[in-house]
Amino acid sequence: MLQKFTLLYIIISLTFSCVPAKKYNELLEREKVNSEELTKFKSSSITNEDKAKELSAQLASIQNDIQNLKEDTVRLSEQYHQIQIQYDRMVLQNLEFEKKLEKDKTTRIKQTGALQNDLDAKNLELQRKEDALIALETELKTKQRLLIDREKKVTELEEALKRKDEGIKSLKTKVATALRAYENKGLTVVEKNGKIYVSLDAKLLFQSGSTVVEEQGKKAVIDLAKVLEKEKDLEIIVEGHTDNDKLESLSFPKSNWELSVLRATSVVEIMTKNSKINPAILMAAGRSEFVPVDSKDKAKNRRIEVIIAPNLNALFEMINKN
């Protein structure tokens, strides 16, 4: 490039060598300016060449970056495609899962409702059982109190019965002692079933068919009454008994029934007239021949039985009260 400018300069110089000095000076001045411009141009050219090289390097780098970006774009596009496929698959899976979850949720709601209903029913049943248990517990406590009261009253009854039995045994001893003189004369004293049975043979008390008590028998009856007049809370039944021989008479007694009753009444009258025994505790009764003691010995069936029993009204009142 520099050679071209030099050649141009020489040509111009030869062309104008014959021109005046003024022109020459102008040319010199112009040549100087051109030379300076050339120098500037050369400097600018070098600078531009450097810049071009730099730009070329930048371009190559940019092209390399573009290539790398293209490759990255392809790779990323492939990755994006794969990820998109995975994403779409996951979306479908999520939709299926949401459907299943919604279905499971509906099922769980139904199951929960059924379980809640079952739980409510069980709680209701539990409450009923708890109420029943409380009622039973209350009833049990009440019955326990009643049981304690009953046991206490049973103890009282047992003690009362024991006292009654002891009283009967004691009275039997007293009666047997008072009537000991008549033991071998047709009089016996026996205790059974909580009662005292004083049995007097008819021959000790009466003549055959008579209702009048003989003196010896009268003394035995009075001795018995004297023992009994001191006792309290007794019930005494005087029973007349006959054999089964038919009694036929136009006057009293006309039958064994009348004979048994009248003999019992005679004994009761002797007891009340000759002692302080309370008449209210006495009863005269006739059993005729219908309660024999020996089917082979008629004499044993003709008898007076004085049945002495404790008055159980107090015990009955206690039992009824309980």
Protein backbone atom coordinates (compact mmCIF):
# COMPACT_ATOMS: atom_id res chain seq x y z
CA MET A 1 0.00 0.00 0.00
CA LEU A 2 2.91 2.38 0.83
CA GLN A 3 4.59 1.75 -2.53
CA LYS A 4 1.45 2.78 -4.37
CA PHE A 5 1.35 6.15 -2.61
CA THR A 6 5.07 6.76 -3.33
CA LEU A 7 4.66 6.02 -7.03
CA LEU A 8 1.69 8.36 -7.16
CA TYR A 9 3.76 11.02 -5.59
CA ILE A 10 6.62 10.68 -8.11
CA ILE A 11 4.23 10.87 -11.05
CA ILE A 12 2.69 14.01 -9.65
CA SER A 13 6.13 15.51 -9.06
CA LEU A 14 7.30 14.83 -12.64
CA THR A 15 4.14 16.24 -14.04
CA PHE A 16 4.44 19.48 -12.21
CA SER A 17 8.28 19.91 -12.20
CA CYS A 18 8.04 22.78 -14.49
CA VAL A 19 5.36 24.68 -12.54
CA PRO A 20 6.03 27.84 -10.57
CA ALA A 21 7.33 27.88 -7.01
CA LYS A 22 4.03 28.81 -5.56
CA LYS A 23 2.48 25.82 -7.01
CA TYR A 24 5.42 23.85 -5.92
CA ASN A 25 5.08 24.97 -2.36
CA GLU A 26 1.41 24.17 -2.43
CA LEU A 27 2.24 20.75 -3.65
CA LEU A 28 4.79 20.30 -0.93
CA GLU A 29 2.29 21.41 1.59
CA ARG A 30 -0.27 19.07 0.19
CA GLU A 31 2.24 16.26 0.05
CA LYS A 32 3.00 16.90 3.71
CA VAL A 33 -0.65 16.79 4.54
CA ASN A 34 -1.05 13.65 2.51
CA SER A 35 1.96 12.16 4.16
CA GLU A 36 0.49 12.91 7.57
CA GLU A 37 -2.85 11.50 6.46
CA LEU A 38 -1.04 8.50 5.09
CA THR A 39 0.71 8.03 8.38
CA LYS A 40 -2.61 8.32 10.16
CA PHE A 41 -4.17 5.96 7.67
CA LYS A 42 -1.34 3.47 8.15
CA SER A 43 -1.75 3.74 11.91
CA SER A 44 -5.51 3.37 11.60
CA SER A 45 -5.01 0.46 9.22
CA ILE A 46 -2.79 -1.30 11.72
CA THR A 47 -5.28 -0.55 14.42
CA ASN A 48 -8.10 -1.83 12.25
CA GLU A 49 -6.14 -4.93 11.38
CA ASP A 50 -5.66 -5.59 15.10
CA LYS A 51 -9.31 -4.97 15.64
CA ALA A 52 -10.14 -7.23 12.72
CA LYS A 53 -7.96 -9.93 14.20
CA GLU A 54 -9.59 -9.37 17.55
CA LEU A 55 -13.03 -9.41 15.95
CA SER A 56 -12.09 -12.54 14.02
CA ALA A 57 -11.00 -14.16 17.25
CA GLN A 58 -14.21 -12.99 18.91
CA LEU A 59 -16.19 -14.23 15.93
CA ALA A 60 -14.46 -17.61 16.11
CA SER A 61 -15.16 -17.70 19.84
CA ILE A 62 -18.73 -16.65 19.26
CA GLN A 63 -19.10 -19.23 16.49
CA ASN A 64 -17.61 -21.81 18.84
CA ASP A 65 -20.04 -20.65 21.54
CA ILE A 66 -22.85 -20.83 19.00
CA GLN A 67 -21.82 -24.36 18.11
CA ASN A 68 -21.63 -25.25 21.76
CA LEU A 69 -25.01 -23.60 22.29
CA LYS A 70 -26.42 -25.54 19.35
CA GLU A 71 -25.07 -28.73 20.81
CA ASP A 72 -26.36 -27.74 24.24
CA THR A 73 -29.67 -26.79 22.67
CA VAL A 74 -29.92 -30.18 20.98
CA ARG A 75 -28.97 -31.92 24.19
CA LEU A 76 -31.28 -29.77 26.24
CA SER A 77 -34.03 -30.26 23.67
CA GLU A 78 -33.57 -34.01 23.97
CA GLN A 79 -33.56 -33.73 27.75
CA TYR A 80 -36.59 -31.47 27.54
CA HIS A 81 -38.31 -34.02 25.34
CA GLN A 82 -37.48 -36.81 27.75
CA ILE A 83 -38.54 -34.70 30.71
CA GLN A 84 -41.73 -33.73 28.86
CA ILE A 85 -42.46 -37.42 28.29
CA GLN A 86 -41.79 -38.13 31.96
CA TYR A 87 -43.84 -35.10 32.94
CA ASP A 88 -46.77 -36.19 30.77
CA ARG A 89 -46.47 -39.69 32.20
CA MET A 90 -46.41 -38.28 35.73
CA VAL A 91 -49.41 -36.06 34.92
CA LEU A 92 -51.30 -39.16 33.79
CA GLN A 93 -50.12 -41.03 36.86
CA ASN A 94 -51.17 -38.09 39.04
CA LEU A 95 -54.56 -38.04 37.40
CA GLU A 96 -54.94 -41.75 37.98
CA PHE A 97 -53.69 -41.31 41.51
CA GLU A 98 -56.11 -38.43 42.11
CA LYS A 99 -58.97 -40.56 40.77
CA LYS A 100 -57.92 -43.44 42.96
CA LEU A 101 -57.42 -41.07 45.89
CA GLU A 102 -60.86 -39.57 45.32
CA LYS A 103 -62.33 -43.06 45.06
CA ASP A 104 -60.45 -44.13 48.18
CA LYS A 105 -61.57 -40.93 49.86
CA THR A 106 -65.19 -41.69 48.98
CA THR A 107 -64.74 -45.26 50.16
CA ARG A 108 -63.07 -44.04 53.34
CA ILE A 109 -65.88 -41.56 53.89
CA LYS A 110 -68.39 -44.37 53.54
CA GLN A 111 -66.27 -46.63 55.73
CA THR A 112 -65.80 -43.82 58.21
CA GLY A 113 -69.55 -43.20 58.22
CA ALA A 114 -70.20 -46.89 58.74
CA LEU A 115 -67.55 -47.05 61.45
CA GLN A 116 -68.96 -43.91 63.05
CA ASN A 117 -72.45 -45.40 63.02
CA ASP A 118 -71.06 -48.62 64.45
CA LEU A 119 -69.14 -46.63 67.05
CA ASP A 120 -72.25 -44.62 67.92
CA ALA A 121 -74.24 -47.83 68.26
CA LYS A 122 -71.55 -49.39 70.43
CA ASN A 123 -71.33 -46.23 72.55
CA LEU A 124 -75.11 -46.29 72.93
CA GLU A 125 -74.99 -49.97 73.88
CA LEU A 126 -72.08 -49.24 76.21
CA GLN A 127 -74.08 -46.44 77.82
CA ARG A 128 -77.06 -48.77 78.25
CA LYS A 129 -74.81 -51.40 79.79
CA GLU A 130 -73.19 -48.78 82.00
CA ASP A 131 -76.63 -47.58 83.11
CA ALA A 132 -77.67 -51.18 83.69
CA LEU A 133 -74.43 -51.79 85.61
CA ILE A 134 -75.06 -48.72 87.76
CA ALA A 135 -78.63 -49.90 88.36
CA LEU A 136 -77.39 -53.39 89.22
CA GLU A 137 -74.73 -51.93 91.48
CA THR A 138 -77.37 -49.84 93.23
CA GLU A 139 -79.64 -52.88 93.48
CA LEU A 140 -76.71 -54.96 94.72
CA LYS A 141 -75.92 -52.43 97.43
CA THR A 142 -79.59 -52.33 98.37
CA LYS A 143 -79.75 -56.11 98.51
CA GLN A 144 -76.51 -56.22 100.47
CA ARG A 145 -78.07 -53.89 103.01
CA LEU A 146 -81.22 -56.02 102.98
CA LEU A 147 -79.07 -59.13 103.35
CA ILE A 148 -77.33 -57.63 106.35
CA ASP A 149 -80.71 -56.70 107.82
CA ARG A 150 -82.08 -60.17 107.02
CA GLU A 151 -79.05 -61.86 108.52
CA LYS A 152 -79.50 -59.74 111.60
CA LYS A 153 -83.20 -60.63 111.79
CA VAL A 154 -82.46 -64.31 111.08
CA THR A 155 -80.00 -64.22 113.93
CA GLU A 156 -82.69 -62.67 116.09
CA LEU A 157 -85.17 -65.35 114.98
CA GLU A 158 -82.65 -68.11 115.60
CA GLU A 159 -81.98 -66.72 119.04
CA ALA A 160 -85.72 -66.46 119.68
CA LEU A 161 -86.24 -70.04 118.48
CA LYS A 162 -83.31 -71.16 120.58
CA ARG A 163 -84.83 -69.45 123.61
CA LYS A 164 -88.16 -71.06 122.75
CA ASP A 165 -86.58 -74.51 122.48
CA GLU A 166 -84.67 -73.98 125.68
CA GLY A 167 -87.88 -72.80 127.35
CA ILE A 168 -89.75 -75.90 126.13
CA LYS A 169 -86.98 -78.19 127.39
CA SER A 170 -86.96 -76.40 130.71
CA LEU A 171 -90.77 -76.56 130.94
CA LYS A 172 -90.73 -80.25 130.02
CA THR A 173 -88.32 -80.86 132.89
CA LYS A 174 -90.57 -78.93 135.27
CA VAL A 175 -93.68 -80.80 134.11
CA ALA A 176 -91.97 -84.18 134.30
CA THR A 177 -90.69 -83.36 137.79
CA ALA A 178 -94.10 -82.18 139.00
CA LEU A 179 -95.85 -85.29 137.61
CA ARG A 180 -93.18 -87.83 138.46
CA ALA A 181 -95.49 -89.51 140.97
CA TYR A 182 -97.82 -90.50 138.13
CA GLU A 183 -95.25 -91.98 135.76
CA ASN A 184 -96.26 -95.56 136.41
CA LYS A 185 -99.95 -94.76 136.72
CA GLY A 186 -100.73 -94.03 133.08
CA LEU A 187 -99.07 -90.61 132.69
CA THR A 188 -96.24 -89.84 130.29
CA VAL A 189 -94.43 -86.64 129.35
CA VAL A 190 -92.84 -86.46 125.90
CA GLU A 191 -91.24 -83.62 123.94
CA LYS A 192 -91.48 -83.72 120.14
CA ASN A 193 -91.67 -81.20 117.31
CA GLY A 194 -91.04 -78.36 119.74
CA LYS A 195 -94.08 -79.26 121.85
CA ILE A 196 -94.70 -81.06 125.15
CA TYR A 197 -97.22 -83.89 125.07
CA VAL A 198 -98.63 -84.90 128.49
CA SER A 199 -100.65 -88.05 127.95
CA LEU A 200 -103.01 -89.32 130.70
CA ASP A 201 -104.68 -92.69 130.31
CA ALA A 202 -108.44 -92.60 130.65
CA LYS A 203 -108.27 -95.10 133.54
CA LEU A 204 -106.30 -92.51 135.53
CA LEU A 205 -109.01 -89.90 135.04
CA PHE A 206 -112.41 -91.43 134.30
CA GLN A 207 -114.67 -94.37 134.96
CA SER A 208 -115.76 -96.19 131.81
CA GLY A 209 -118.05 -93.97 129.73
CA SER A 210 -117.88 -91.17 132.37
CA THR A 211 -116.89 -87.52 131.80
CA VAL A 212 -116.27 -86.83 135.52
CA VAL A 213 -112.58 -86.78 136.53
CA GLU A 214 -111.71 -89.08 139.44
CA GLU A 215 -109.87 -87.70 142.48
CA GLN A 216 -106.52 -89.21 141.66
CA GLY A 217 -106.69 -87.94 138.12
CA LYS A 218 -107.95 -84.57 139.34
CA LYS A 219 -104.86 -84.18 141.54
CA ALA A 220 -102.61 -84.90 138.54
CA VAL A 221 -104.45 -82.32 136.43
CA ILE A 222 -104.20 -79.70 139.21
CA ASP A 223 -100.46 -80.37 139.65
CA LEU A 224 -100.01 -79.87 135.93
CA ALA A 225 -102.03 -76.64 136.00
CA LYS A 226 -99.97 -75.31 138.90
CA VAL A 227 -96.79 -75.75 136.88
CA LEU A 228 -98.28 -74.13 133.78
CA GLU A 229 -99.84 -71.14 135.57
CA LYS A 230 -96.38 -69.67 136.09
CA GLU A 231 -95.47 -69.85 132.43
CA LYS A 232 -96.10 -67.15 129.85
CA ASP A 233 -96.70 -67.21 126.10
CA LEU A 234 -98.10 -70.74 125.90
CA GLU A 235 -100.85 -72.35 123.88
CA ILE A 236 -102.41 -75.42 125.50
CA ILE A 237 -104.74 -77.83 123.74
CA VAL A 238 -106.51 -80.49 125.77
CA GLU A 239 -107.55 -83.30 123.41
CA GLY A 240 -109.88 -86.13 124.27
CA HIS A 241 -109.37 -89.50 122.54
CA THR A 242 -111.48 -92.68 122.61
CA ASP A 243 -111.22 -96.20 121.25
CA ASN A 244 -113.29 -97.31 118.28
CA ASP A 245 -115.97 -99.14 120.28
CA LYS A 246 -119.33 -97.66 119.35
CA LEU A 247 -121.00 -95.70 122.10
CA GLU A 248 -124.78 -95.98 122.10
CA SER A 249 -126.69 -94.05 124.72
CA LEU A 250 -129.93 -92.10 124.97
CA SER A 251 -128.28 -89.50 127.21
CA PHE A 252 -125.01 -87.57 126.92
CA PRO A 253 -122.55 -88.53 125.69
CA LYS A 254 -124.28 -90.10 122.76
CA SER A 255 -121.10 -90.78 120.68
CA ASN A 256 -117.35 -91.03 120.91
CA TRP A 257 -117.12 -87.50 119.52
CA GLU A 258 -119.17 -86.12 122.40
CA LEU A 259 -117.33 -88.30 124.90
CA SER A 260 -113.92 -87.08 123.73
CA VAL A 261 -114.96 -83.42 123.73
CA LEU A 262 -116.73 -83.59 127.12
CA ARG A 263 -113.77 -85.31 128.79
CA ALA A 264 -111.40 -82.65 127.40
CA THR A 265 -113.77 -79.94 128.65
CA SER A 266 -113.85 -81.51 132.15
CA VAL A 267 -110.05 -81.42 132.34
CA VAL A 268 -109.97 -77.76 131.20
CA GLU A 269 -112.51 -76.79 133.84
CA ILE A 270 -110.46 -78.43 136.61
CA MET A 271 -107.34 -76.59 135.41
CA THR A 272 -109.01 -73.18 135.36
CA LYS A 273 -110.87 -73.63 138.69
CA ASN A 274 -107.85 -74.84 140.63
CA SER A 275 -105.03 -72.63 139.33
CA LYS A 276 -104.27 -69.15 138.11
CA ILE A 277 -103.71 -70.37 134.58
CA ASN A 278 -105.01 -67.98 131.93
CA PRO A 279 -108.15 -69.53 130.33
CA ALA A 280 -107.36 -67.70 127.09
CA ILE A 281 -104.44 -70.03 126.40
CA LEU A 282 -106.56 -73.19 126.81
CA MET A 283 -108.59 -75.02 124.20
CA ALA A 284 -110.67 -78.21 124.63
CA ALA A 285 -110.96 -80.50 121.63
CA GLY A 286 -112.22 -83.98 120.87
CA ARG A 287 -110.59 -86.32 118.33
CA SER A 288 -112.88 -89.36 118.96
CA GLU A 289 -111.25 -92.63 117.85
CA PHE A 290 -109.56 -91.21 114.77
CA VAL A 291 -106.05 -90.62 116.16
CA PRO A 292 -105.13 -93.96 117.78
CA VAL A 293 -101.66 -94.65 119.18
CA ASP A 294 -101.90 -98.44 119.26
CA SER A 295 -104.15 -100.47 116.96
CA LYS A 296 -103.80 -103.57 119.19
CA ASP A 297 -104.24 -102.01 122.64
CA LYS A 298 -107.51 -100.04 122.83
CA ALA A 299 -106.78 -98.96 126.38
CA LYS A 300 -103.86 -96.81 125.16
CA ASN A 301 -106.16 -95.08 122.68
CA ARG A 302 -108.53 -93.96 125.48
CA ARG A 303 -106.62 -90.96 126.78
CA ILE A 304 -106.37 -87.24 127.39
CA GLU A 305 -103.49 -85.43 125.74
CA VAL A 306 -102.43 -82.02 126.98
CA ILE A 307 -100.38 -80.47 124.18
CA ILE A 308 -98.26 -77.58 125.42
CA ALA A 309 -96.73 -75.37 122.74
CA PRO A 310 -95.04 -71.99 122.87
CA ASN A 311 -97.11 -69.09 121.59
CA LEU A 312 -95.43 -68.28 118.28
CA ASN A 313 -97.37 -65.10 117.57
CA ALA A 314 -94.37 -62.94 118.45
CA LEU A 315 -92.18 -65.00 116.15
CA PHE A 316 -94.74 -64.82 113.35
CA GLU A 317 -94.99 -61.06 113.78
CA MET A 318 -91.21 -60.84 113.59
CA ILE A 319 -91.17 -63.02 110.45
CA ASN A 320 -93.98 -61.04 108.81
CA LYS A 321 -92.26 -57.81 109.70
CA ASN A 322 -89.04 -59.07 108.21
